[in-house]
Amino acid sequence: MSSSRPAAHRSPPAADQPLPTARRNPTAWRPALARGVLLRYDPVRDTDLLLLPERVVVLHGRAGAVLGRCDGSRTVAGIVAELSAEYPGAPVAVEVPDFLAGLRKEGWLT
């Protein structure tokens, strides 16, 4: 049985339209906490928390230090540079972009 509706057709992106900056160069993305997501310190647990609607995420290690810099004004490259200076010898350049990309996929960063 065939459908009476025509098949959806999507045009490829125009060649003259540039890719968004974050797709051309992921380190140029300026991450910020998504609406409704808050970063808080819990003195009882002595750790940072991400407060989401109906959910709390307990952060480990230096995750709070990374997310505290996600204010929309710094690029990923800038965050990596700051953390590299603060934590010399740490694998910041490898781990931080992947960490932020994962949080973006979850919808916790914009």
C-alpha atoms as a PDB file:
ATOM      1  CA  MET A   1       0.000   0.000   0.000  1.00  0.00           C
ATOM      2  CA  SER A   2       1.477   3.346  -0.946  1.00  0.00           C
ATOM      3  CA  SER A   3       1.101   6.560   0.961  1.00  0.00           C
ATOM      4  CA  SER A   4      -0.653   9.518  -0.596  1.00  0.00           C
ATOM      5  CA  ARG A   5       1.884  11.891   0.923  1.00  0.00           C
ATOM      6  CA  PRO A   6       5.001  12.654  -1.079  1.00  0.00           C
ATOM      7  CA  ALA A   7       8.310  11.617   0.404  1.00  0.00           C
ATOM      8  CA  ALA A   8      10.020  14.314   2.428  1.00  0.00           C
ATOM      9  CA  HIS A   9      12.867  15.899   0.574  1.00  0.00           C
ATOM     10  CA  ARG A  10      15.648  17.795   2.257  1.00  0.00           C
ATOM     11  CA  SER A  11      17.931  19.972   0.269  1.00  0.00           C
ATOM     12  CA  PRO A  12      21.616  19.762   1.039  1.00  0.00           C
ATOM     13  CA  PRO A  13      23.032  22.860   2.719  1.00  0.00           C
ATOM     14  CA  ALA A  14      23.970  25.555   0.255  1.00  0.00           C
ATOM     15  CA  ALA A  15      27.633  25.540  -0.629  1.00  0.00           C
ATOM     16  CA  ASP A  16      27.864  29.277  -0.062  1.00  0.00           C
ATOM     17  CA  GLN A  17      26.605  29.048   3.538  1.00  0.00           C
ATOM     18  CA  PRO A  18      29.419  28.643   6.049  1.00  0.00           C
ATOM     19  CA  LEU A  19      29.212  26.020   8.764  1.00  0.00           C
ATOM     20  CA  PRO A  20      28.484  27.319  12.253  1.00  0.00           C
ATOM     21  CA  THR A  21      31.687  28.213  14.088  1.00  0.00           C
ATOM     22  CA  ALA A  22      31.296  25.386  16.609  1.00  0.00           C
ATOM     23  CA  ARG A  23      31.113  22.804  13.788  1.00  0.00           C
ATOM     24  CA  ARG A  24      34.088  24.229  11.880  1.00  0.00           C
ATOM     25  CA  ASN A  25      36.238  24.434  14.980  1.00  0.00           C
ATOM     26  CA  PRO A  26      34.850  22.811  18.150  1.00  0.00           C
ATOM     27  CA  THR A  27      37.393  24.640  20.314  1.00  0.00           C
ATOM     28  CA  ALA A  28      35.824  27.959  19.205  1.00  0.00           C
ATOM     29  CA  TRP A  29      32.496  27.005  20.841  1.00  0.00           C
ATOM     30  CA  ARG A  30      31.656  29.164  23.881  1.00  0.00           C
ATOM     31  CA  PRO A  31      29.913  26.757  26.264  1.00  0.00           C
ATOM     32  CA  ALA A  32      27.404  27.972  28.822  1.00  0.00           C
ATOM     33  CA  LEU A  33      25.141  26.129  31.233  1.00  0.00           C
ATOM     34  CA  ALA A  34      21.775  25.434  29.655  1.00  0.00           C
ATOM     35  CA  ARG A  35      18.667  27.148  30.939  1.00  0.00           C
ATOM     36  CA  GLY A  36      17.576  25.564  34.201  1.00  0.00           C
ATOM     37  CA  VAL A  37      21.015  24.079  34.937  1.00  0.00           C
ATOM     38  CA  LEU A  38      22.880  25.441  37.960  1.00  0.00           C
ATOM     39  CA  LEU A  39      26.363  24.763  39.318  1.00  0.00           C
ATOM     40  CA  ARG A  40      26.467  24.738  43.122  1.00  0.00           C
ATOM     41  CA  TYR A  41      28.906  23.717  45.822  1.00  0.00           C
ATOM     42  CA  ASP A  42      27.559  21.332  48.472  1.00  0.00           C
ATOM     43  CA  PRO A  43      29.466  21.834  51.740  1.00  0.00           C
ATOM     44  CA  VAL A  44      27.956  18.676  53.270  1.00  0.00           C
ATOM     45  CA  ARG A  45      29.326  16.471  50.485  1.00  0.00           C
ATOM     46  CA  ASP A  46      32.325  18.785  49.934  1.00  0.00           C
ATOM     47  CA  THR A  47      31.787  18.627  46.186  1.00  0.00           C
ATOM     48  CA  ASP A  48      30.271  20.535  43.282  1.00  0.00           C
ATOM     49  CA  LEU A  49      26.818  19.649  41.994  1.00  0.00           C
ATOM     50  CA  LEU A  50      24.951  20.268  38.779  1.00  0.00           C
ATOM     51  CA  LEU A  51      21.332  21.001  39.618  1.00  0.00           C
ATOM     52  CA  LEU A  52      18.956  20.110  36.797  1.00  0.00           C
ATOM     53  CA  PRO A  53      15.194  20.016  36.725  1.00  0.00           C
ATOM     54  CA  GLU A  54      14.285  17.025  38.911  1.00  0.00           C
ATOM     55  CA  ARG A  55      17.876  15.755  38.962  1.00  0.00           C
ATOM     56  CA  VAL A  56      21.148  16.347  40.787  1.00  0.00           C
ATOM     57  CA  VAL A  57      24.493  15.338  39.308  1.00  0.00           C
ATOM     58  CA  VAL A  58      27.392  14.957  41.739  1.00  0.00           C
ATOM     59  CA  LEU A  59      30.581  16.159  40.056  1.00  0.00           C
ATOM     60  CA  HIS A  60      33.922  14.505  40.694  1.00  0.00           C
ATOM     61  CA  GLY A  61      37.492  15.715  40.453  1.00  0.00           C
ATOM     62  CA  ARG A  62      37.912  19.071  38.768  1.00  0.00           C
ATOM     63  CA  ALA A  63      34.621  18.951  36.842  1.00  0.00           C
ATOM     64  CA  GLY A  64      33.334  21.913  38.855  1.00  0.00           C
ATOM     65  CA  ALA A  65      36.433  23.928  37.937  1.00  0.00           C
ATOM     66  CA  VAL A  66      35.750  23.193  34.266  1.00  0.00           C
ATOM     67  CA  LEU A  67      32.036  23.999  34.420  1.00  0.00           C
ATOM     68  CA  GLY A  68      32.636  27.134  36.464  1.00  0.00           C
ATOM     69  CA  ARG A  69      34.334  28.557  33.387  1.00  0.00           C
ATOM     70  CA  CYS A  70      31.389  27.733  31.101  1.00  0.00           C
ATOM     71  CA  ASP A  71      29.780  31.159  31.166  1.00  0.00           C
ATOM     72  CA  GLY A  72      29.469  31.792  27.428  1.00  0.00           C
ATOM     73  CA  SER A  73      32.367  34.242  27.353  1.00  0.00           C
ATOM     74  CA  ARG A  74      35.243  31.748  27.023  1.00  0.00           C
ATOM     75  CA  THR A  75      35.925  29.435  24.123  1.00  0.00           C
ATOM     76  CA  VAL A  76      36.774  25.795  24.745  1.00  0.00           C
ATOM     77  CA  ALA A  77      40.352  26.660  23.740  1.00  0.00           C
ATOM     78  CA  GLY A  78      40.376  29.461  26.334  1.00  0.00           C
ATOM     79  CA  ILE A  79      39.046  27.155  29.043  1.00  0.00           C
ATOM     80  CA  VAL A  80      41.701  24.576  28.154  1.00  0.00           C
ATOM     81  CA  ALA A  81      44.429  27.251  28.304  1.00  0.00           C
ATOM     82  CA  GLU A  82      43.285  28.474  31.739  1.00  0.00           C
ATOM     83  CA  LEU A  83      43.067  24.955  33.150  1.00  0.00           C
ATOM     84  CA  SER A  84      46.425  23.955  31.647  1.00  0.00           C
ATOM     85  CA  ALA A  85      48.048  26.879  33.461  1.00  0.00           C
ATOM     86  CA  GLU A  86      46.234  26.037  36.709  1.00  0.00           C
ATOM     87  CA  TYR A  87      46.897  22.280  36.534  1.00  0.00           C
ATOM     88  CA  PRO A  88      50.231  21.798  34.750  1.00  0.00           C
ATOM     89  CA  GLY A  89      50.828  18.266  33.522  1.00  0.00           C
ATOM     90  CA  ALA A  90      47.138  17.314  33.579  1.00  0.00           C
ATOM     91  CA  PRO A  91      45.704  15.954  30.294  1.00  0.00           C
ATOM     92  CA  VAL A  92      43.414  18.971  29.995  1.00  0.00           C
ATOM     93  CA  ALA A  93      43.686  19.416  26.212  1.00  0.00           C
ATOM     94  CA  VAL A  94      42.482  15.856  25.651  1.00  0.00           C
ATOM     95  CA  GLU A  95      39.864  15.442  28.379  1.00  0.00           C
ATOM     96  CA  VAL A  96      38.130  18.818  28.654  1.00  0.00           C
ATOM     97  CA  PRO A  97      36.807  19.126  25.059  1.00  0.00           C
ATOM     98  CA  ASP A  98      35.421  15.572  25.218  1.00  0.00           C
ATOM     99  CA  PHE A  99      33.879  16.205  28.651  1.00  0.00           C
ATOM    100  CA  LEU A 100      32.173  19.390  27.449  1.00  0.00           C
ATOM    101  CA  ALA A 101      30.970  17.727  24.241  1.00  0.00           C
ATOM    102  CA  GLY A 102      29.393  14.956  26.314  1.00  0.00           C
ATOM    103  CA  LEU A 103      27.566  17.466  28.497  1.00  0.00           C
ATOM    104  CA  ARG A 104      26.398  19.275  25.385  1.00  0.00           C
ATOM    105  CA  LYS A 105      24.937  16.026  24.032  1.00  0.00           C
ATOM    106  CA  GLU A 106      23.074  15.597  27.333  1.00  0.00           C
ATOM    107  CA  GLY A 107      21.626  19.076  26.848  1.00  0.00           C
ATOM    108  CA  TRP A 108      23.288  20.508  29.931  1.00  0.00           C
ATOM    109  CA  LEU A 109      25.450  22.972  27.971  1.00  0.00           C
ATOM    110  CA  THR A 110      24.563  25.275  25.110  1.00  0.00           C
END
